[in-house]
N, C-alpha and C. Protein backbone atom coordinates (compact mmCIF):
# COMPACT_ATOMS: atom_id res chain seq x y z
N MET A 1 110.99 100.75 122.48
CA MET A 1 111.45 100.93 121.12
C MET A 1 110.81 102.19 120.55
N THR A 2 111.59 103.02 119.95
CA THR A 2 111.06 104.26 119.39
C THR A 2 110.72 104.07 117.92
N ALA A 3 109.71 104.79 117.48
CA ALA A 3 109.32 104.73 116.09
C ALA A 3 110.31 105.52 115.25
N GLY A 4 110.54 105.06 114.04
CA GLY A 4 111.43 105.76 113.13
C GLY A 4 110.74 106.96 112.52
N ALA A 5 111.50 107.67 111.73
CA ALA A 5 110.97 108.85 111.05
C ALA A 5 109.95 108.44 110.00
N ALA A 6 108.95 109.28 109.80
CA ALA A 6 107.97 109.03 108.75
C ALA A 6 108.68 109.00 107.41
N PRO A 7 108.29 108.12 106.51
CA PRO A 7 108.98 108.03 105.23
C PRO A 7 108.63 109.20 104.33
N SER A 8 109.55 109.50 103.44
CA SER A 8 109.30 110.54 102.45
C SER A 8 110.09 110.20 101.19
N ILE A 9 109.65 110.77 100.10
CA ILE A 9 110.37 110.67 98.85
C ILE A 9 110.40 112.07 98.28
N ARG A 10 111.59 112.51 97.92
CA ARG A 10 111.71 113.88 97.41
C ARG A 10 112.69 113.94 96.26
N LEU A 11 112.48 114.89 95.39
CA LEU A 11 113.37 115.12 94.27
C LEU A 11 114.64 115.75 94.79
N ARG A 12 115.76 115.08 94.61
CA ARG A 12 117.04 115.59 95.09
C ARG A 12 117.73 116.39 94.00
N SER A 13 117.64 115.93 92.80
CA SER A 13 118.15 116.64 91.62
C SER A 13 117.44 116.03 90.42
N GLU A 14 117.61 116.63 89.27
CA GLU A 14 116.93 116.09 88.11
C GLU A 14 117.32 114.64 87.90
N GLY A 15 116.32 113.76 87.90
CA GLY A 15 116.57 112.35 87.68
C GLY A 15 116.96 111.57 88.90
N THR A 16 116.92 112.18 90.10
CA THR A 16 117.26 111.47 91.33
C THR A 16 116.19 111.73 92.39
N LEU A 17 115.62 110.64 92.89
CA LEU A 17 114.67 110.72 94.00
C LEU A 17 115.30 110.09 95.22
N ALA A 18 115.15 110.71 96.37
CA ALA A 18 115.70 110.21 97.63
C ALA A 18 114.56 109.73 98.52
N VAL A 19 114.67 108.49 98.97
CA VAL A 19 113.70 107.92 99.90
C VAL A 19 114.33 107.92 101.28
N SER A 20 113.56 108.32 102.28
CA SER A 20 114.10 108.32 103.65
C SER A 20 113.00 107.94 104.63
N GLY A 21 113.43 107.62 105.85
CA GLY A 21 112.50 107.27 106.91
C GLY A 21 112.29 105.78 107.02
N GLU A 22 111.29 105.41 107.81
CA GLU A 22 110.98 104.01 108.06
C GLU A 22 109.72 103.62 107.29
N VAL A 23 109.85 102.65 106.39
CA VAL A 23 108.73 102.18 105.59
C VAL A 23 108.05 101.03 106.33
N THR A 24 106.76 101.17 106.58
CA THR A 24 106.00 100.16 107.32
C THR A 24 104.72 99.81 106.56
N ALA A 25 104.03 98.80 107.05
CA ALA A 25 102.74 98.41 106.46
C ALA A 25 101.72 99.55 106.57
N ASP A 26 101.87 100.38 107.59
CA ASP A 26 100.93 101.48 107.80
C ASP A 26 101.12 102.65 106.84
N ASN A 27 102.33 102.82 106.29
CA ASN A 27 102.58 103.99 105.46
C ASN A 27 103.01 103.67 104.02
N VAL A 28 103.16 102.40 103.69
CA VAL A 28 103.70 102.05 102.38
C VAL A 28 102.78 102.44 101.23
N VAL A 29 101.48 102.38 101.41
CA VAL A 29 100.56 102.71 100.31
C VAL A 29 100.69 104.18 99.92
N ALA A 30 100.71 105.06 100.91
CA ALA A 30 100.85 106.50 100.62
C ALA A 30 102.21 106.78 99.97
N LEU A 31 103.26 106.12 100.44
CA LEU A 31 104.59 106.31 99.86
C LEU A 31 104.62 105.79 98.42
N ARG A 32 103.97 104.67 98.19
CA ARG A 32 103.90 104.13 96.83
C ARG A 32 103.23 105.12 95.90
N GLN A 33 102.09 105.66 96.31
CA GLN A 33 101.36 106.60 95.47
C GLN A 33 102.17 107.86 95.19
N GLU A 34 102.82 108.39 96.22
CA GLU A 34 103.63 109.59 96.03
C GLU A 34 104.82 109.31 95.12
N GLY A 35 105.45 108.17 95.30
CA GLY A 35 106.57 107.79 94.44
C GLY A 35 106.14 107.65 92.99
N GLU A 36 105.03 106.99 92.76
CA GLU A 36 104.54 106.83 91.39
C GLU A 36 104.19 108.18 90.77
N ARG A 37 103.63 109.08 91.57
CA ARG A 37 103.33 110.43 91.06
C ARG A 37 104.60 111.15 90.64
N GLN A 38 105.62 111.08 91.49
CA GLN A 38 106.88 111.77 91.18
C GLN A 38 107.61 111.12 90.01
N LEU A 39 107.57 109.81 89.92
CA LEU A 39 108.20 109.13 88.78
C LEU A 39 107.52 109.53 87.47
N ALA A 40 106.20 109.56 87.47
CA ALA A 40 105.46 109.94 86.26
C ALA A 40 105.75 111.39 85.88
N ALA A 41 105.85 112.25 86.88
CA ALA A 41 106.10 113.68 86.62
C ALA A 41 107.52 113.92 86.10
N SER A 42 108.44 113.05 86.45
CA SER A 42 109.84 113.27 86.04
C SER A 42 110.02 113.13 84.54
N GLY A 43 109.31 112.19 83.94
CA GLY A 43 109.38 112.02 82.49
C GLY A 43 110.73 111.54 81.99
N CYS A 44 111.61 111.06 82.88
CA CYS A 44 112.92 110.59 82.46
C CYS A 44 113.32 109.37 83.29
N ASP A 45 114.44 108.76 82.93
CA ASP A 45 114.96 107.68 83.75
C ASP A 45 115.37 108.25 85.10
N VAL A 46 115.24 107.44 86.15
CA VAL A 46 115.42 107.95 87.50
C VAL A 46 116.30 107.04 88.34
N GLU A 47 117.18 107.65 89.11
CA GLU A 47 117.92 106.94 90.15
C GLU A 47 117.16 107.16 91.45
N ILE A 48 116.90 106.08 92.16
CA ILE A 48 116.23 106.18 93.47
C ILE A 48 117.25 105.79 94.53
N THR A 49 117.62 106.77 95.34
CA THR A 49 118.60 106.50 96.39
C THR A 49 117.88 106.14 97.68
N LEU A 50 118.36 105.06 98.29
CA LEU A 50 117.73 104.51 99.49
C LEU A 50 118.58 104.72 100.73
N ALA A 51 119.61 105.56 100.64
CA ALA A 51 120.55 105.75 101.75
C ALA A 51 119.87 106.26 103.02
N GLY A 52 118.77 106.96 102.89
CA GLY A 52 118.09 107.51 104.07
C GLY A 52 117.03 106.59 104.67
N VAL A 53 116.85 105.40 104.09
CA VAL A 53 115.85 104.47 104.60
C VAL A 53 116.37 103.83 105.88
N GLU A 54 115.53 103.82 106.90
CA GLU A 54 115.94 103.37 108.23
C GLU A 54 115.75 101.89 108.48
N ASN A 55 115.07 101.17 107.59
CA ASN A 55 114.81 99.76 107.85
C ASN A 55 114.93 98.95 106.57
N ALA A 56 115.00 97.64 106.74
CA ALA A 56 115.02 96.71 105.61
C ALA A 56 113.94 95.67 105.88
N HIS A 57 112.98 95.59 104.99
CA HIS A 57 111.84 94.72 105.22
C HIS A 57 111.28 94.31 103.86
N SER A 58 110.59 93.19 103.81
CA SER A 58 109.98 92.74 102.57
C SER A 58 108.96 93.75 102.04
N ILE A 59 108.37 94.54 102.93
CA ILE A 59 107.44 95.59 102.51
C ILE A 59 108.15 96.61 101.62
N LEU A 60 109.37 96.93 101.97
CA LEU A 60 110.16 97.88 101.18
C LEU A 60 110.49 97.29 99.81
N LEU A 61 110.87 96.01 99.78
CA LEU A 61 111.15 95.37 98.49
C LEU A 61 109.90 95.35 97.61
N SER A 62 108.75 95.09 98.22
CA SER A 62 107.50 95.11 97.47
C SER A 62 107.23 96.49 96.88
N LEU A 63 107.48 97.52 97.66
CA LEU A 63 107.33 98.91 97.18
C LEU A 63 108.21 99.16 95.97
N LEU A 64 109.46 98.75 96.04
CA LEU A 64 110.39 98.97 94.93
C LEU A 64 109.95 98.22 93.68
N LEU A 65 109.43 97.01 93.86
CA LEU A 65 108.92 96.26 92.71
C LEU A 65 107.69 96.94 92.10
N CYS A 66 106.85 97.53 92.92
CA CYS A 66 105.69 98.28 92.41
C CYS A 66 106.15 99.45 91.57
N TRP A 67 107.13 100.20 92.07
CA TRP A 67 107.66 101.32 91.30
C TRP A 67 108.30 100.83 90.00
N GLN A 68 108.97 99.69 90.07
CA GLN A 68 109.61 99.12 88.89
C GLN A 68 108.56 98.80 87.82
N ARG A 69 107.45 98.18 88.22
CA ARG A 69 106.38 97.86 87.27
C ARG A 69 105.76 99.12 86.69
N ALA A 70 105.52 100.12 87.52
CA ALA A 70 104.92 101.38 87.03
C ALA A 70 105.85 102.06 86.03
N ALA A 71 107.13 102.03 86.29
CA ALA A 71 108.10 102.65 85.38
C ALA A 71 108.16 101.88 84.05
N LYS A 72 108.08 100.58 84.13
CA LYS A 72 108.14 99.76 82.91
C LYS A 72 106.98 100.10 81.97
N VAL A 73 105.80 100.32 82.52
CA VAL A 73 104.63 100.70 81.71
C VAL A 73 104.91 101.99 80.94
N ARG A 74 105.64 102.91 81.56
CA ARG A 74 105.97 104.20 80.93
C ARG A 74 107.27 104.15 80.15
N GLU A 75 107.87 102.95 80.02
CA GLU A 75 109.17 102.78 79.35
C GLU A 75 110.22 103.68 80.00
N GLN A 76 110.18 103.71 81.30
CA GLN A 76 111.10 104.51 82.10
C GLN A 76 112.02 103.54 82.85
N LYS A 77 113.28 103.86 82.93
CA LYS A 77 114.23 103.00 83.63
C LYS A 77 114.52 103.56 85.01
N LEU A 78 114.55 102.65 85.98
CA LEU A 78 114.91 103.01 87.35
C LEU A 78 116.19 102.27 87.71
N ILE A 79 117.00 102.91 88.54
CA ILE A 79 118.14 102.24 89.13
C ILE A 79 118.18 102.66 90.60
N TYR A 80 118.47 101.70 91.44
CA TYR A 80 118.48 101.93 92.89
C TYR A 80 119.91 102.04 93.37
N SER A 81 120.12 102.90 94.35
CA SER A 81 121.45 103.07 94.94
C SER A 81 121.31 103.33 96.43
N GLY A 82 122.42 103.20 97.15
CA GLY A 82 122.45 103.54 98.56
C GLY A 82 121.71 102.57 99.46
N MET A 83 121.43 101.37 98.95
CA MET A 83 120.70 100.41 99.78
C MET A 83 121.60 99.90 100.90
N SER A 84 120.99 99.60 102.05
CA SER A 84 121.75 99.09 103.19
C SER A 84 122.22 97.66 102.91
N GLU A 85 123.20 97.26 103.65
CA GLU A 85 123.71 95.89 103.55
C GLU A 85 122.59 94.89 103.82
N ARG A 86 121.78 95.19 104.80
CA ARG A 86 120.69 94.31 105.18
C ARG A 86 119.64 94.21 104.07
N LEU A 87 119.28 95.33 103.45
CA LEU A 87 118.30 95.32 102.37
C LEU A 87 118.87 94.59 101.15
N SER A 88 120.13 94.81 100.87
CA SER A 88 120.78 94.12 99.77
C SER A 88 120.77 92.61 99.99
N SER A 89 121.07 92.18 101.20
CA SER A 89 121.05 90.75 101.54
C SER A 89 119.64 90.18 101.42
N LEU A 90 118.66 90.92 101.90
CA LEU A 90 117.27 90.47 101.82
C LEU A 90 116.83 90.30 100.37
N SER A 91 117.22 91.22 99.51
CA SER A 91 116.84 91.11 98.10
C SER A 91 117.54 89.92 97.44
N ALA A 92 118.79 89.68 97.82
CA ALA A 92 119.52 88.53 97.26
C ALA A 92 118.90 87.21 97.74
N LEU A 93 118.59 87.12 99.03
CA LEU A 93 118.01 85.90 99.57
C LEU A 93 116.64 85.59 98.97
N SER A 94 115.89 86.62 98.63
CA SER A 94 114.56 86.42 98.07
C SER A 94 114.59 86.31 96.55
N GLY A 95 115.77 86.42 95.95
CA GLY A 95 115.89 86.30 94.50
C GLY A 95 115.41 87.52 93.74
N LEU A 96 115.35 88.66 94.40
CA LEU A 96 114.81 89.86 93.75
C LEU A 96 115.89 90.80 93.20
N SER A 97 117.14 90.59 93.54
CA SER A 97 118.20 91.51 93.09
C SER A 97 118.21 91.68 91.58
N GLN A 98 117.94 90.60 90.87
CA GLN A 98 117.96 90.66 89.40
C GLN A 98 116.82 91.50 88.84
N HIS A 99 115.79 91.75 89.64
CA HIS A 99 114.64 92.54 89.19
C HIS A 99 114.71 94.00 89.64
N LEU A 100 115.73 94.32 90.44
CA LEU A 100 115.88 95.68 90.97
C LEU A 100 117.25 96.21 90.54
N PRO A 101 117.30 96.91 89.40
CA PRO A 101 118.58 97.39 88.89
C PRO A 101 119.35 98.21 89.92
N GLY A 102 120.61 97.88 90.06
CA GLY A 102 121.47 98.55 91.03
C GLY A 102 121.77 97.69 92.24
N PHE A 103 120.89 96.78 92.59
CA PHE A 103 121.10 95.94 93.76
C PHE A 103 122.26 94.98 93.57
N HIS A 104 122.44 94.49 92.37
CA HIS A 104 123.53 93.53 92.14
C HIS A 104 124.80 94.20 91.63
N GLN A 105 124.79 95.52 91.46
CA GLN A 105 125.93 96.20 90.88
C GLN A 105 126.80 96.94 91.90
N ALA A 106 126.18 97.63 92.82
CA ALA A 106 126.93 98.50 93.74
C ALA A 106 127.12 97.81 95.09
N PRO A 107 128.25 98.08 95.73
CA PRO A 107 128.43 97.53 97.08
C PRO A 107 127.43 98.20 98.02
N PRO A 108 126.85 97.43 98.94
CA PRO A 108 125.85 97.99 99.85
C PRO A 108 126.45 98.94 100.87
N VAL A 109 125.64 99.84 101.36
CA VAL A 109 126.02 100.76 102.42
C VAL A 109 125.87 100.01 103.74
N PRO A 110 126.88 100.03 104.62
CA PRO A 110 126.75 99.31 105.91
C PRO A 110 125.51 99.77 106.66
N SER A 111 124.80 98.82 107.24
CA SER A 111 123.61 99.12 108.04
C SER A 111 124.00 99.87 109.28
N LYS A 112 123.12 100.74 109.77
CA LYS A 112 123.39 101.51 110.97
C LYS A 112 123.61 100.60 112.16
N GLU A 113 122.87 99.47 112.22
CA GLU A 113 123.01 98.59 113.36
C GLU A 113 124.35 97.84 113.36
N HIS A 114 125.06 97.86 112.22
CA HIS A 114 126.35 97.19 112.14
C HIS A 114 127.51 98.18 112.26
N THR A 115 127.22 99.46 112.36
CA THR A 115 128.25 100.48 112.45
C THR A 115 128.74 100.57 113.90
N LEU A 116 130.03 100.48 114.09
CA LEU A 116 130.61 100.57 115.44
C LEU A 116 130.95 102.01 115.76
N ALA A 117 130.65 102.42 116.96
CA ALA A 117 131.05 103.75 117.43
C ALA A 117 132.50 103.66 117.88
N LEU A 118 133.29 104.61 117.45
CA LEU A 118 134.69 104.64 117.86
C LEU A 118 134.92 105.67 118.93
């Protein structure tokens, strides 16, 4: 099994941050800190796109909830988009969709493992 790409978060446009790579227990703390730094620096409401995330795991949901709490302290609104079908299902099964704006609104992006090659 090959390791996924290292995770990153980058400003894609004003008010939009893109998360990509594989989020694991080994790298989530650094990603959380970088995300919180970028959210604080933005000074505005932010859309966080998850289309580039390679995995769906409870660690990722925990990260998103941490960012949600940090934004709430600053009276900043976050909305998530581009989540995989698997991550969307995981959030629904764990009862977290209602706490992560965007998860219950947009149709999920099909997971790579469910995409058929033609």
